[in-house]
PDB file of N, CA and C in Angstrom:
ATOM      1  N   UNK A   1       0.849  -1.169   0.000  1.00  0.00           N
ATOM      2  CA  UNK A   1       0.000   0.000   0.000  1.00  0.00           C
ATOM      3  C   UNK A   1       0.898   1.237   0.000  1.00  0.00           C
ATOM      4  N   UNK A   2       0.542   2.200  -0.808  1.00  0.00           N
ATOM      5  CA  UNK A   2       1.307   3.433  -0.897  1.00  0.00           C
ATOM      6  C   UNK A   2       1.082   4.271   0.355  1.00  0.00           C
ATOM      7  N   UNK A   3       2.086   5.045   0.726  1.00  0.00           N
ATOM      8  CA  UNK A   3       1.991   5.879   1.921  1.00  0.00           C
ATOM      9  C   UNK A   3       0.835   6.858   1.856  1.00  0.00           C
ATOM     10  N   UNK A   4       0.557   7.404   0.659  1.00  0.00           N
ATOM     11  CA  UNK A   4      -0.544   8.358   0.525  1.00  0.00           C
ATOM     12  C   UNK A   4      -1.877   7.687   0.850  1.00  0.00           C
ATOM     13  N   UNK A   5      -2.043   6.444   0.390  1.00  0.00           N
ATOM     14  CA  UNK A   5      -3.279   5.709   0.675  1.00  0.00           C
ATOM     15  C   UNK A   5      -3.440   5.481   2.171  1.00  0.00           C
ATOM     16  N   UNK A   6      -2.349   5.074   2.820  1.00  0.00           N
ATOM     17  CA  UNK A   6      -2.386   4.819   4.255  1.00  0.00           C
ATOM     18  C   UNK A   6      -2.671   6.109   5.022  1.00  0.00           C
ATOM     19  N   UNK A   7      -2.033   7.192   4.613  1.00  0.00           N
ATOM     20  CA  UNK A   7      -2.281   8.484   5.263  1.00  0.00           C
ATOM     21  C   UNK A   7      -3.742   8.893   5.142  1.00  0.00           C
ATOM     22  N   UNK A   8      -4.332   8.672   3.969  1.00  0.00           N
ATOM     23  CA  UNK A   8      -5.746   9.020   3.773  1.00  0.00           C
ATOM     24  C   UNK A   8      -6.638   8.188   4.686  1.00  0.00           C
ATOM     25  N   UNK A   9      -6.302   6.936   4.860  1.00  0.00           N
ATOM     26  CA  UNK A   9      -7.081   6.051   5.723  1.00  0.00           C
ATOM     27  C   UNK A   9      -6.975   6.505   7.178  1.00  0.00           C
ATOM     28  N   UNK A  10      -5.778   6.921   7.565  1.00  0.00           N
ATOM     29  CA  UNK A  10      -5.531   7.256   8.965  1.00  0.00           C
ATOM     30  C   UNK A  10      -5.902   8.685   9.339  1.00  0.00           C
ATOM     31  N   UNK A  11      -6.188   9.527   8.366  1.00  0.00           N
ATOM     32  CA  UNK A  11      -6.473  10.937   8.660  1.00  0.00           C
ATOM     33  C   UNK A  11      -7.527  11.100   9.741  1.00  0.00           C
ATOM     34  N   UNK A  12      -8.677  10.495   9.550  1.00  0.00           N
ATOM     35  CA  UNK A  12      -9.730  10.599  10.552  1.00  0.00           C
ATOM     36  C   UNK A  12      -9.516   9.651  11.700  1.00  0.00           C
ATOM     37  N   UNK A  13      -8.827   8.572  11.468  1.00  0.00           N
ATOM     38  CA  UNK A  13      -8.580   7.506  12.441  1.00  0.00           C
ATOM     39  C   UNK A  13      -9.861   6.974  13.067  1.00  0.00           C
ATOM     40  N   UNK A  14     -10.997   7.487  12.646  1.00  0.00           N
ATOM     41  CA  UNK A  14     -12.242   6.913  13.141  1.00  0.00           C
ATOM     42  C   UNK A  14     -12.788   5.956  12.090  1.00  0.00           C
ATOM     43  N   UNK A  15     -11.944   5.639  11.147  1.00  0.00           N
ATOM     44  CA  UNK A  15     -12.329   4.724  10.086  1.00  0.00           C
ATOM     45  C   UNK A  15     -12.745   3.385  10.667  1.00  0.00           C
ATOM     46  N   UNK A  16     -13.800   2.809  10.136  1.00  0.00           N
ATOM     47  CA  UNK A  16     -14.167   1.463  10.596  1.00  0.00           C
ATOM     48  C   UNK A  16     -13.170   0.435  10.069  1.00  0.00           C
ATOM     49  N   UNK A  17     -12.662  -0.385  10.965  1.00  0.00           N
ATOM     50  CA  UNK A  17     -11.664  -1.396  10.640  1.00  0.00           C
ATOM     51  C   UNK A  17     -12.231  -2.752  11.015  1.00  0.00           C
ATOM     52  N   UNK A  18     -12.066  -3.705  10.127  1.00  0.00           N
ATOM     53  CA  UNK A  18     -12.511  -5.066  10.420  1.00  0.00           C
ATOM     54  C   UNK A  18     -11.265  -5.899  10.717  1.00  0.00           C
ATOM     55  N   UNK A  19     -11.314  -6.666  11.794  1.00  0.00           N
ATOM     56  CA  UNK A  19     -10.121  -7.395  12.229  1.00  0.00           C
ATOM     57  C   UNK A  19     -10.315  -8.905  12.114  1.00  0.00           C
ATOM     58  N   UNK A  20      -9.256  -9.545  11.670  1.00  0.00           N
ATOM     59  CA  UNK A  20      -9.193 -11.011  11.616  1.00  0.00           C
ATOM     60  C   UNK A  20      -8.220 -11.420  12.707  1.00  0.00           C
ATOM     61  N   UNK A  21      -8.736 -12.141  13.712  1.00  0.00           N
ATOM     62  CA  UNK A  21      -7.885 -12.581  14.822  1.00  0.00           C
ATOM     63  C   UNK A  21      -7.153 -13.867  14.467  1.00  0.00           C
ATOM     64  N   UNK A  22      -6.101 -14.103  15.191  1.00  0.00           N
ATOM     65  CA  UNK A  22      -5.257 -15.274  14.982  1.00  0.00           C
ATOM     66  C   UNK A  22      -5.894 -16.535  15.559  1.00  0.00           C
ATOM     67  N   UNK A  23      -5.978 -17.570  14.749  1.00  0.00           N
ATOM     68  CA  UNK A  23      -6.498 -18.863  15.222  1.00  0.00           C
ATOM     69  C   UNK A  23      -5.667 -19.377  16.397  1.00  0.00           C
ATOM     70  N   UNK A  24      -4.368 -19.136  16.326  1.00  0.00           N
ATOM     71  CA  UNK A  24      -3.470 -19.657  17.360  1.00  0.00           C
ATOM     72  C   UNK A  24      -3.837 -19.125  18.737  1.00  0.00           C
ATOM     73  N   UNK A  25      -4.229 -17.869  18.802  1.00  0.00           N
ATOM     74  CA  UNK A  25      -4.645 -17.310  20.091  1.00  0.00           C
ATOM     75  C   UNK A  25      -6.024 -17.812  20.494  1.00  0.00           C
ATOM     76  N   UNK A  26      -6.937 -17.815  19.541  1.00  0.00           N
ATOM     77  CA  UNK A  26      -8.314 -18.216  19.856  1.00  0.00           C
ATOM     78  C   UNK A  26      -8.400 -19.668  20.290  1.00  0.00           C
ATOM     79  N   UNK A  27      -7.691 -20.544  19.580  1.00  0.00           N
ATOM     80  CA  UNK A  27      -7.798 -21.965  19.886  1.00  0.00           C
ATOM     81  C   UNK A  27      -6.936 -22.392  21.060  1.00  0.00           C
ATOM     82  N   UNK A  28      -6.038 -21.539  21.472  1.00  0.00           N
ATOM     83  CA  UNK A  28      -5.238 -21.827  22.667  1.00  0.00           C
ATOM     84  C   UNK A  28      -5.872 -21.232  23.913  1.00  0.00           C
ATOM     85  N   UNK A  29      -7.092 -20.718  23.766  1.00  0.00           N
ATOM     86  CA  UNK A  29      -7.807 -20.182  24.912  1.00  0.00           C
ATOM     87  C   UNK A  29      -7.344 -18.792  25.334  1.00  0.00           C
ATOM     88  N   UNK A  30      -6.773 -18.028  24.414  1.00  0.00           N
ATOM     89  CA  UNK A  30      -6.253 -16.701  24.744  1.00  0.00           C
ATOM     90  C   UNK A  30      -7.105 -15.591  24.145  1.00  0.00           C
ATOM     91  N   UNK A  31      -8.413 -15.739  24.263  1.00  0.00           N
ATOM     92  CA  UNK A  31      -9.322 -14.712  23.761  1.00  0.00           C
ATOM     93  C   UNK A  31      -9.083 -13.383  24.472  1.00  0.00           C
ATOM     94  N   UNK A  32      -8.526 -13.442  25.686  1.00  0.00           N
ATOM     95  CA  UNK A  32      -8.200 -12.207  26.408  1.00  0.00           C
ATOM     96  C   UNK A  32      -7.227 -11.342  25.614  1.00  0.00           C
ATOM     97  N   UNK A  33      -6.282 -11.962  24.903  1.00  0.00           N
ATOM     98  CA  UNK A  33      -5.325 -11.200  24.112  1.00  0.00           C
ATOM     99  C   UNK A  33      -5.990 -10.563  22.889  1.00  0.00           C
ATOM    100  N   UNK A  34      -6.958 -11.255  22.307  1.00  0.00           N
ATOM    101  CA  UNK A  34      -7.647 -10.669  21.157  1.00  0.00           C
ATOM    102  C   UNK A  34      -8.425  -9.423  21.584  1.00  0.00           C
ATOM    103  N   UNK A  35      -8.971  -9.464  22.786  1.00  0.00           N
ATOM    104  CA  UNK A  35      -9.675  -8.279  23.302  1.00  0.00           C
ATOM    105  C   UNK A  35      -8.728  -7.105  23.507  1.00  0.00           C
ATOM    106  N   UNK A  36      -7.506  -7.387  23.944  1.00  0.00           N
ATOM    107  CA  UNK A  36      -6.521  -6.316  24.129  1.00  0.00           C
ATOM    108  C   UNK A  36      -6.192  -5.634  22.800  1.00  0.00           C
ATOM    109  N   UNK A  37      -6.104  -6.417  21.744  1.00  0.00           N
ATOM    110  CA  UNK A  37      -5.841  -5.841  20.418  1.00  0.00           C
ATOM    111  C   UNK A  37      -6.997  -4.919  20.029  1.00  0.00           C
ATOM    112  N   UNK A  38      -8.220  -5.379  20.226  1.00  0.00           N
ATOM    113  CA  UNK A  38      -9.385  -4.549  19.893  1.00  0.00           C
ATOM    114  C   UNK A  38      -9.432  -3.281  20.745  1.00  0.00           C
ATOM    115  N   UNK A  39      -9.150  -3.406  22.023  1.00  0.00           N
ATOM    116  CA  UNK A  39      -9.149  -2.250  22.923  1.00  0.00           C
ATOM    117  C   UNK A  39      -8.093  -1.237  22.475  1.00  0.00           C
ATOM    118  N   UNK A  40      -6.917  -1.733  22.106  1.00  0.00           N
ATOM    119  CA  UNK A  40      -5.839  -0.841  21.653  1.00  0.00           C
ATOM    120  C   UNK A  40      -6.247  -0.100  20.382  1.00  0.00           C
ATOM    121  N   UNK A  41      -6.874  -0.796  19.455  1.00  0.00           N
ATOM    122  CA  UNK A  41      -7.349  -0.138  18.231  1.00  0.00           C
ATOM    123  C   UNK A  41      -8.405   0.916  18.553  1.00  0.00           C
ATOM    124  N   UNK A  42      -9.320   0.579  19.448  1.00  0.00           N
ATOM    125  CA  UNK A  42     -10.376   1.527  19.822  1.00  0.00           C
ATOM    126  C   UNK A  42      -9.790   2.755  20.507  1.00  0.00           C
ATOM    127  N   UNK A  43      -8.821   2.544  21.397  1.00  0.00           N
ATOM    128  CA  UNK A  43      -8.182   3.667  22.071  1.00  0.00           C
ATOM    129  C   UNK A  43      -7.395   4.544  21.095  1.00  0.00           C
ATOM    130  N   UNK A  44      -7.000   3.959  19.981  1.00  0.00           N
ATOM    131  CA  UNK A  44      -6.294   4.718  18.946  1.00  0.00           C
ATOM    132  C   UNK A  44      -7.262   5.440  18.022  1.00  0.00           C
ATOM    133  N   UNK A  45      -8.560   5.292  18.283  1.00  0.00           N
ATOM    134  CA  UNK A  45      -9.555   6.043  17.536  1.00  0.00           C
ATOM    135  C   UNK A  45     -10.271   5.275  16.441  1.00  0.00           C
ATOM    136  N   UNK A  46     -10.002   4.005  16.297  1.00  0.00           N
ATOM    137  CA  UNK A  46     -10.641   3.216  15.252  1.00  0.00           C
ATOM    138  C   UNK A  46     -11.952   2.615  15.741  1.00  0.00           C
ATOM    139  N   UNK A  47     -12.891   2.483  14.839  1.00  0.00           N
ATOM    140  CA  UNK A  47     -14.120   1.756  15.100  1.00  0.00           C
ATOM    141  C   UNK A  47     -13.847   0.320  14.650  1.00  0.00           C
ATOM    142  N   UNK A  48     -13.943  -0.626  15.568  1.00  0.00           N
ATOM    143  CA  UNK A  48     -13.536  -2.003  15.289  1.00  0.00           C
ATOM    144  C   UNK A  48     -14.750  -2.908  15.112  1.00  0.00           C
ATOM    145  N   UNK A  49     -14.720  -3.682  14.052  1.00  0.00           N
ATOM    146  CA  UNK A  49     -15.716  -4.712  13.809  1.00  0.00           C
ATOM    147  C   UNK A  49     -14.971  -6.043  13.736  1.00  0.00           C
ATOM    148  N   UNK A  50     -15.435  -7.002  14.484  1.00  0.00           N
ATOM    149  CA  UNK A  50     -14.809  -8.330  14.429  1.00  0.00           C
ATOM    150  C   UNK A  50     -15.556  -9.156  13.403  1.00  0.00           C
ATOM    151  N   UNK A  51     -14.821  -9.716  12.462  1.00  0.00           N
ATOM    152  CA  UNK A  51     -15.462 -10.548  11.441  1.00  0.00           C
ATOM    153  C   UNK A  51     -15.685 -11.947  12.001  1.00  0.00           C
ATOM    154  N   UNK A  52     -16.610 -12.679  11.423  1.00  0.00           N
ATOM    155  CA  UNK A  52     -16.803 -14.063  11.879  1.00  0.00           C
ATOM    156  C   UNK A  52     -15.483 -14.822  11.760  1.00  0.00           C
ATOM    157  N   UNK A  53     -15.194 -15.642  12.744  1.00  0.00           N
ATOM    158  CA  UNK A  53     -13.900 -16.317  12.708  1.00  0.00           C
ATOM    159  C   UNK A  53     -13.991 -17.695  12.080  1.00  0.00           C
ATOM    160  N   UNK A  54     -13.291 -17.820  10.989  1.00  0.00           N
ATOM    161  CA  UNK A  54     -13.129 -19.092  10.297  1.00  0.00           C
ATOM    162  C   UNK A  54     -11.664 -19.190   9.905  1.00  0.00           C
ATOM    163  N   UNK A  55     -11.194 -20.376   9.739  1.00  0.00           N
ATOM    164  CA  UNK A  55      -9.809 -20.579   9.306  1.00  0.00           C
ATOM    165  C   UNK A  55      -9.578 -19.874   7.969  1.00  0.00           C
ATOM    166  N   UNK A  56      -8.445 -19.177   7.853  1.00  0.00           N
ATOM    167  CA  UNK A  56      -8.119 -18.490   6.600  1.00  0.00           C
ATOM    168  C   UNK A  56      -7.588 -19.465   5.567  1.00  0.00           C
ATOM    169  N   UNK A  57      -7.178 -20.646   5.999  1.00  0.00           N
ATOM    170  CA  UNK A  57      -6.622 -21.641   5.086  1.00  0.00           C
ATOM    171  C   UNK A  57      -5.108 -21.687   5.118  1.00  0.00           C
ATOM    172  N   UNK A  58      -4.488 -20.653   5.673  1.00  0.00           N
ATOM    173  CA  UNK A  58      -3.028 -20.560   5.675  1.00  0.00           C
ATOM    174  C   UNK A  58      -2.340 -21.663   6.461  1.00  0.00           C
ATOM    175  N   UNK A  59      -2.933 -22.094   7.531  1.00  0.00           N
ATOM    176  CA  UNK A  59      -2.332 -23.147   8.335  1.00  0.00           C
ATOM    177  C   UNK A  59      -2.253 -24.477   7.622  1.00  0.00           C
ATOM    178  N   UNK A  60      -3.073 -24.651   6.617  1.00  0.00           N
ATOM    179  CA  UNK A  60      -3.065 -25.914   5.873  1.00  0.00           C
ATOM    180  C   UNK A  60      -1.873 -26.024   4.940  1.00  0.00           C
ATOM    181  N   UNK A  61      -1.180 -24.911   4.752  1.00  0.00           N
ATOM    182  CA  UNK A  61       0.022 -24.939   3.918  1.00  0.00           C
ATOM    183  C   UNK A  61       1.054 -25.892   4.470  1.00  0.00           C
ATOM    184  N   UNK A  62       1.049 -26.047   5.783  1.00  0.00           N
ATOM    185  CA  UNK A  62       1.986 -26.973   6.403  1.00  0.00           C
ATOM    186  C   UNK A  62       1.659 -28.422   6.058  1.00  0.00           C
ATOM    187  N   UNK A  63       0.408 -28.651   5.703  1.00  0.00           N
ATOM    188  CA  UNK A  63      -0.024 -30.011   5.362  1.00  0.00           C
ATOM    189  C   UNK A  63      -0.018 -30.257   3.853  1.00  0.00           C
ATOM    190  N   UNK A  64       0.286 -29.215   3.074  1.00  0.00           N
ATOM    191  CA  UNK A  64       0.342 -29.284   1.605  1.00  0.00           C
ATOM    192  C   UNK A  64      -0.981 -29.722   0.987  1.00  0.00           C
ATOM    193  N   UNK A  65      -2.081 -29.234   1.534  1.00  0.00           N
ATOM    194  CA  UNK A  65      -3.410 -29.547   1.002  1.00  0.00           C
ATOM    195  C   UNK A  65      -3.819 -28.370   0.111  1.00  0.00           C
ATOM    196  N   UNK A  66      -3.191 -28.281  -1.047  1.00  0.00           N
ATOM    197  CA  UNK A  66      -3.311 -27.080  -1.872  1.00  0.00           C
ATOM    198  C   UNK A  66      -4.711 -26.816  -2.412  1.00  0.00           C
ATOM    199  N   UNK A  67      -5.449 -27.850  -2.763  1.00  0.00           N
ATOM    200  CA  UNK A  67      -6.798 -27.610  -3.296  1.00  0.00           C
ATOM    201  C   UNK A  67      -7.723 -27.052  -2.214  1.00  0.00           C
ATOM    202  N   UNK A  68      -7.559 -27.507  -0.987  1.00  0.00           N
ATOM    203  CA  UNK A  68      -8.364 -26.996   0.127  1.00  0.00           C
ATOM    204  C   UNK A  68      -7.951 -25.563   0.474  1.00  0.00           C
ATOM    205  N   UNK A  69      -6.657 -25.297   0.455  1.00  0.00           N
ATOM    206  CA  UNK A  69      -6.159 -23.944   0.709  1.00  0.00           C
ATOM    207  C   UNK A  69      -6.769 -22.977  -0.295  1.00  0.00           C
ATOM    208  N   UNK A  70      -6.777 -23.360  -1.541  1.00  0.00           N
ATOM    209  CA  UNK A  70      -7.321 -22.511  -2.611  1.00  0.00           C
ATOM    210  C   UNK A  70      -8.797 -22.200  -2.367  1.00  0.00           C
ATOM    211  N   UNK A  71      -9.578 -23.222  -2.053  1.00  0.00           N
ATOM    212  CA  UNK A  71     -11.011 -23.015  -1.816  1.00  0.00           C
ATOM    213  C   UNK A  71     -11.262 -22.129  -0.597  1.00  0.00           C
ATOM    214  N   UNK A  72     -10.581 -22.412   0.487  1.00  0.00           N
ATOM    215  CA  UNK A  72     -10.778 -21.623   1.710  1.00  0.00           C
ATOM    216  C   UNK A  72     -10.288 -20.198   1.503  1.00  0.00           C
ATOM    217  N   UNK A  73      -9.140 -20.028   0.884  1.00  0.00           N
ATOM    218  CA  UNK A  73      -8.591 -18.694   0.640  1.00  0.00           C
ATOM    219  C   UNK A  73      -9.541 -17.824  -0.164  1.00  0.00           C
ATOM    220  N   UNK A  74     -10.107 -18.378  -1.203  1.00  0.00           N
ATOM    221  CA  UNK A  74     -11.060 -17.621  -2.026  1.00  0.00           C
ATOM    222  C   UNK A  74     -12.333 -17.303  -1.227  1.00  0.00           C
ATOM    223  N   UNK A  75     -12.796 -18.241  -0.450  1.00  0.00           N
ATOM    224  CA  UNK A  75     -14.006 -18.041   0.349  1.00  0.00           C
ATOM    225  C   UNK A  75     -13.809 -16.971   1.427  1.00  0.00           C
ATOM    226  N   UNK A  76     -12.640 -16.962   2.072  1.00  0.00           N
ATOM    227  CA  UNK A  76     -12.392 -16.001   3.147  1.00  0.00           C
ATOM    228  C   UNK A  76     -12.400 -14.553   2.662  1.00  0.00           C
ATOM    229  N   UNK A  77     -12.144 -14.332   1.397  1.00  0.00           N
ATOM    230  CA  UNK A  77     -12.155 -12.955   0.889  1.00  0.00           C
ATOM    231  C   UNK A  77     -13.564 -12.387   0.787  1.00  0.00           C
ATOM    232  N   UNK A  78     -14.577 -13.201   1.038  1.00  0.00           N
ATOM    233  CA  UNK A  78     -15.963 -12.724   0.975  1.00  0.00           C
ATOM    234  C   UNK A  78     -16.551 -12.456   2.361  1.00  0.00           C
ATOM    235  N   UNK A  79     -15.757 -12.591   3.410  1.00  0.00           N
ATOM    236  CA  UNK A  79     -16.247 -12.474   4.794  1.00  0.00           C
ATOM    237  C   UNK A  79     -16.447 -11.046   5.287  1.00  0.00           C
ATOM    238  N   UNK A  80     -16.038 -10.058   4.532  1.00  0.00           N
ATOM    239  CA  UNK A  80     -15.905  -8.716   5.067  1.00  0.00           C
ATOM    240  C   UNK A  80     -17.064  -7.797   4.733  1.00  0.00           C
ATOM    241  N   UNK A  81     -17.331  -6.879   5.656  1.00  0.00           N
ATOM    242  CA  UNK A  81     -18.355  -5.862   5.428  1.00  0.00           C
ATOM    243  C   UNK A  81     -17.737  -4.473   5.364  1.00  0.00           C
ATOM    244  N   UNK A  82     -16.461  -4.350   5.689  1.00  0.00           N
ATOM    245  CA  UNK A  82     -15.748  -3.073   5.696  1.00  0.00           C
ATOM    246  C   UNK A  82     -14.713  -3.036   4.570  1.00  0.00           C
ATOM    247  N   UNK A  83     -14.197  -1.848   4.296  1.00  0.00           N
ATOM    248  CA  UNK A  83     -13.178  -1.698   3.257  1.00  0.00           C
ATOM    249  C   UNK A  83     -11.758  -1.766   3.793  1.00  0.00           C
ATOM    250  N   UNK A  84     -11.606  -1.621   5.114  1.00  0.00           N
ATOM    251  CA  UNK A  84     -10.281  -1.669   5.713  1.00  0.00           C
ATOM    252  C   UNK A  84     -10.203  -2.906   6.603  1.00  0.00           C
ATOM    253  N   UNK A  85      -9.252  -3.771   6.294  1.00  0.00           N
ATOM    254  CA  UNK A  85      -9.064  -5.009   7.049  1.00  0.00           C
ATOM    255  C   UNK A  85      -7.719  -4.975   7.731  1.00  0.00           C
ATOM    256  N   UNK A  86      -7.656  -5.590   8.901  1.00  0.00           N
ATOM    257  CA  UNK A  86      -6.382  -5.692   9.594  1.00  0.00           C
ATOM    258  C   UNK A  86      -6.275  -7.052  10.277  1.00  0.00           C
ATOM    259  N   UNK A  87      -5.049  -7.483  10.457  1.00  0.00           N
ATOM    260  CA  UNK A  87      -4.770  -8.730  11.161  1.00  0.00           C
ATOM    261  C   UNK A  87      -3.353  -8.660  11.708  1.00  0.00           C
ATOM    262  N   UNK A  88      -3.080  -9.447  12.723  1.00  0.00           N
ATOM    263  CA  UNK A  88      -1.725  -9.549  13.256  1.00  0.00           C
ATOM    264  C   UNK A  88      -1.183 -10.947  13.026  1.00  0.00           C
ATOM    265  N   UNK A  89      -1.941 -11.769  12.336  1.00  0.00           N
ATOM    266  CA  UNK A  89      -1.533 -13.141  12.026  1.00  0.00           C
ATOM    267  C   UNK A  89      -0.854 -13.161  10.647  1.00  0.00           C
ATOM    268  N   UNK A  90       0.396 -13.600  10.570  1.00  0.00           N
ATOM    269  CA  UNK A  90       1.093 -13.625   9.279  1.00  0.00           C
ATOM    270  C   UNK A  90       0.397 -14.500   8.239  1.00  0.00           C
ATOM    271  N   UNK A  91      -0.159 -15.630   8.666  1.00  0.00           N
ATOM    272  CA  UNK A  91      -0.854 -16.509   7.709  1.00  0.00           C
ATOM    273  C   UNK A  91      -2.098 -15.829   7.144  1.00  0.00           C
ATOM    274  N   UNK A  92      -2.884 -15.213   8.019  1.00  0.00           N
ATOM    275  CA  UNK A  92      -4.096 -14.521   7.563  1.00  0.00           C
ATOM    276  C   UNK A  92      -3.743 -13.376   6.623  1.00  0.00           C
ATOM    277  N   UNK A  93      -2.709 -12.610   6.981  1.00  0.00           N
ATOM    278  CA  UNK A  93      -2.308 -11.481   6.146  1.00  0.00           C
ATOM    279  C   UNK A  93      -1.953 -11.971   4.741  1.00  0.00           C
ATOM    280  N   UNK A  94      -1.133 -12.998   4.691  1.00  0.00           N
ATOM    281  CA  UNK A  94      -0.702 -13.524   3.394  1.00  0.00           C
ATOM    282  C   UNK A  94      -1.891 -14.055   2.594  1.00  0.00           C
ATOM    283  N   UNK A  95      -2.761 -14.829   3.225  1.00  0.00           N
ATOM    284  CA  UNK A  95      -3.920 -15.403   2.531  1.00  0.00           C
ATOM    285  C   UNK A  95      -4.864 -14.307   2.022  1.00  0.00           C
ATOM    286  N   UNK A  96      -5.145 -13.313   2.854  1.00  0.00           N
ATOM    287  CA  UNK A  96      -6.045 -12.233   2.446  1.00  0.00           C
ATOM    288  C   UNK A  96      -5.437 -11.403   1.322  1.00  0.00           C
ATOM    289  N   UNK A  97      -4.128 -11.237   1.364  1.00  0.00           N
ATOM    290  CA  UNK A  97      -3.452 -10.473   0.321  1.00  0.00           C
ATOM    291  C   UNK A  97      -3.466 -11.231  -1.005  1.00  0.00           C
ATOM    292  N   UNK A  98      -3.028 -12.469  -0.978  1.00  0.00           N
ATOM    293  CA  UNK A  98      -2.936 -13.273  -2.207  1.00  0.00           C
ATOM    294  C   UNK A  98      -4.311 -13.527  -2.812  1.00  0.00           C
ATOM    295  N   UNK A  99      -5.246 -14.001  -2.010  1.00  0.00           N
ATOM    296  CA  UNK A  99      -6.556 -14.353  -2.559  1.00  0.00           C
ATOM    297  C   UNK A  99      -7.444 -13.130  -2.780  1.00  0.00           C
ATOM    298  N   UNK A 100      -7.167 -12.051  -2.075  1.00  0.00           N
ATOM    299  CA  UNK A 100      -7.861 -10.800  -2.370  1.00  0.00           C
ATOM    300  C   UNK A 100      -7.530 -10.323  -3.773  1.00  0.00           C
ATOM    301  N   UNK A 101      -6.250 -10.463  -4.151  1.00  0.00           N
ATOM    302  CA  UNK A 101      -5.832 -10.101  -5.521  1.00  0.00           C
ATOM    303  C   UNK A 101      -6.432 -11.045  -6.550  1.00  0.00           C
ATOM    304  N   UNK A 102      -6.368 -12.341  -6.259  1.00  0.00           N
ATOM    305  CA  UNK A 102      -6.907 -13.328  -7.206  1.00  0.00           C
ATOM    306  C   UNK A 102      -8.398 -13.121  -7.449  1.00  0.00           C
ATOM    307  N   UNK A 103      -9.123 -12.757  -6.385  1.00  0.00           N
ATOM    308  CA  UNK A 103     -10.572 -12.563  -6.488  1.00  0.00           C
ATOM    309  C   UNK A 103     -10.957 -11.118  -6.824  1.00  0.00           C
ATOM    310  N   UNK A 104      -9.932 -10.276  -7.012  1.00  0.00           N
ATOM    311  CA  UNK A 104     -10.143  -8.861  -7.357  1.00  0.00           C
ATOM    312  C   UNK A 104     -11.024  -8.136  -6.340  1.00  0.00           C
ATOM    313  N   UNK A 105     -10.751  -8.375  -5.058  1.00  0.00           N
ATOM    314  CA  UNK A 105     -11.481  -7.701  -3.983  1.00  0.00           C
ATOM    315  C   UNK A 105     -10.915  -6.294  -3.805  1.00  0.00           C
ATOM    316  N   UNK A 106     -11.763  -5.385  -3.417  1.00  0.00           N
ATOM    317  CA  UNK A 106     -11.382  -3.981  -3.329  1.00  0.00           C
ATOM    318  C   UNK A 106     -11.212  -3.514  -1.886  1.00  0.00           C
ATOM    319  N   UNK A 107     -10.655  -4.337  -1.035  1.00  0.00           N
ATOM    320  CA  UNK A 107     -10.434  -3.911   0.341  1.00  0.00           C
ATOM    321  C   UNK A 107      -8.980  -3.498   0.535  1.00  0.00           C
ATOM    322  N   UNK A 108      -8.749  -2.712   1.574  1.00  0.00           N
ATOM    323  CA  UNK A 108      -7.397  -2.310   1.953  1.00  0.00           C
ATOM    324  C   UNK A 108      -6.979  -3.187   3.120  1.00  0.00           C
ATOM    325  N   UNK A 109      -5.899  -3.911   2.949  1.00  0.00           N
ATOM    326  CA  UNK A 109      -5.381  -4.799   3.985  1.00  0.00           C
ATOM    327  C   UNK A 109      -4.160  -4.144   4.618  1.00  0.00           C
ATOM    328  N   UNK A 110      -4.227  -3.897   5.922  1.00  0.00           N
ATOM    329  CA  UNK A 110      -3.148  -3.232   6.634  1.00  0.00           C
ATOM    330  C   UNK A 110      -2.812  -4.056   7.869  1.00  0.00           C
ATOM    331  N   UNK A 111      -1.546  -4.380   8.024  1.00  0.00           N
ATOM    332  CA  UNK A 111      -1.091  -5.096   9.201  1.00  0.00           C
ATOM    333  C   UNK A 111      -1.443  -4.277  10.438  1.00  0.00           C
ATOM    334  N   UNK A 112      -1.959  -4.898  11.481  1.00  0.00           N
ATOM    335  CA  UNK A 112      -2.415  -4.179  12.667  1.00  0.00           C
ATOM    336  C   UNK A 112      -1.289  -3.346  13.296  1.00  0.00           C
ATOM    337  N   UNK A 113      -0.068  -3.839  13.239  1.00  0.00           N
ATOM    338  CA  UNK A 113       1.049  -3.096  13.817  1.00  0.00           C
ATOM    339  C   UNK A 113       1.327  -1.820  13.028  1.00  0.00           C
ATOM    340  N   UNK A 114       1.282  -1.928  11.707  1.00  0.00           N
ATOM    341  CA  UNK A 114       1.476  -0.757  10.863  1.00  0.00           C
ATOM    342  C   UNK A 114       0.351   0.248  11.090  1.00  0.00           C
ATOM    343  N   UNK A 115      -0.854  -0.257  11.216  1.00  0.00           N
ATOM    344  CA  UNK A 115      -2.005   0.600  11.442  1.00  0.00           C
ATOM    345  C   UNK A 115      -1.827   1.420  12.726  1.00  0.00           C
ATOM    346  N   UNK A 116      -1.364   0.777  13.776  1.00  0.00           N
ATOM    347  CA  UNK A 116      -1.167   1.460  15.054  1.00  0.00           C
ATOM    348  C   UNK A 116       0.046   2.387  15.026  1.00  0.00           C
ATOM    349  N   UNK A 117       1.140   1.945  14.422  1.00  0.00           N
ATOM    350  CA  UNK A 117       2.358   2.769  14.389  1.00  0.00           C
ATOM    351  C   UNK A 117       2.168   4.023  13.542  1.00  0.00           C
ATOM    352  N   UNK A 118       1.526   3.899  12.417  1.00  0.00           N
ATOM    353  CA  UNK A 118       1.325   5.034  11.522  1.00  0.00           C
ATOM    354  C   UNK A 118       0.304   6.016  12.084  1.00  0.00           C
ATOM    355  N   UNK A 119      -0.536   5.541  12.989  1.00  0.00           N
ATOM    356  CA  UNK A 119      -1.594   6.387  13.551  1.00  0.00           C
ATOM    357  C   UNK A 119      -1.068   7.268  14.676  1.00  0.00           C
ATOM    358  N   UNK A 120       0.063   6.937  15.253  1.00  0.00           N
ATOM    359  CA  UNK A 120       0.588   7.693  16.403  1.00  0.00           C
ATOM    360  C   UNK A 120       1.680   8.645  16.010  1.00  0.00           C
TER     361      UNK A 120
END
């Protein structure tokens, strides 16, 4: 993403952001950490919407189940109601980026850390 695009997104900082949480935290019983991420975004001025949580398909790369990865990756790009997406999970970021391009989705994907750092 170009710096000008990111600056435009962050200008109001009240932009609605949709977040994809990490499966690793959710399935390890660390939902408390996902809440901290949302609280931090809200305190930074963002309106946060949590998308329904489903596997992004990225974890299956370790199992080399490529046809399933492809189907899940394409499906996950349809989960969003907002134009700005964020995640702190490297697998989710990669899957949303790659399959968002393949499916020609028009959302802005910004790593949650970049979103917070550029906003301050």
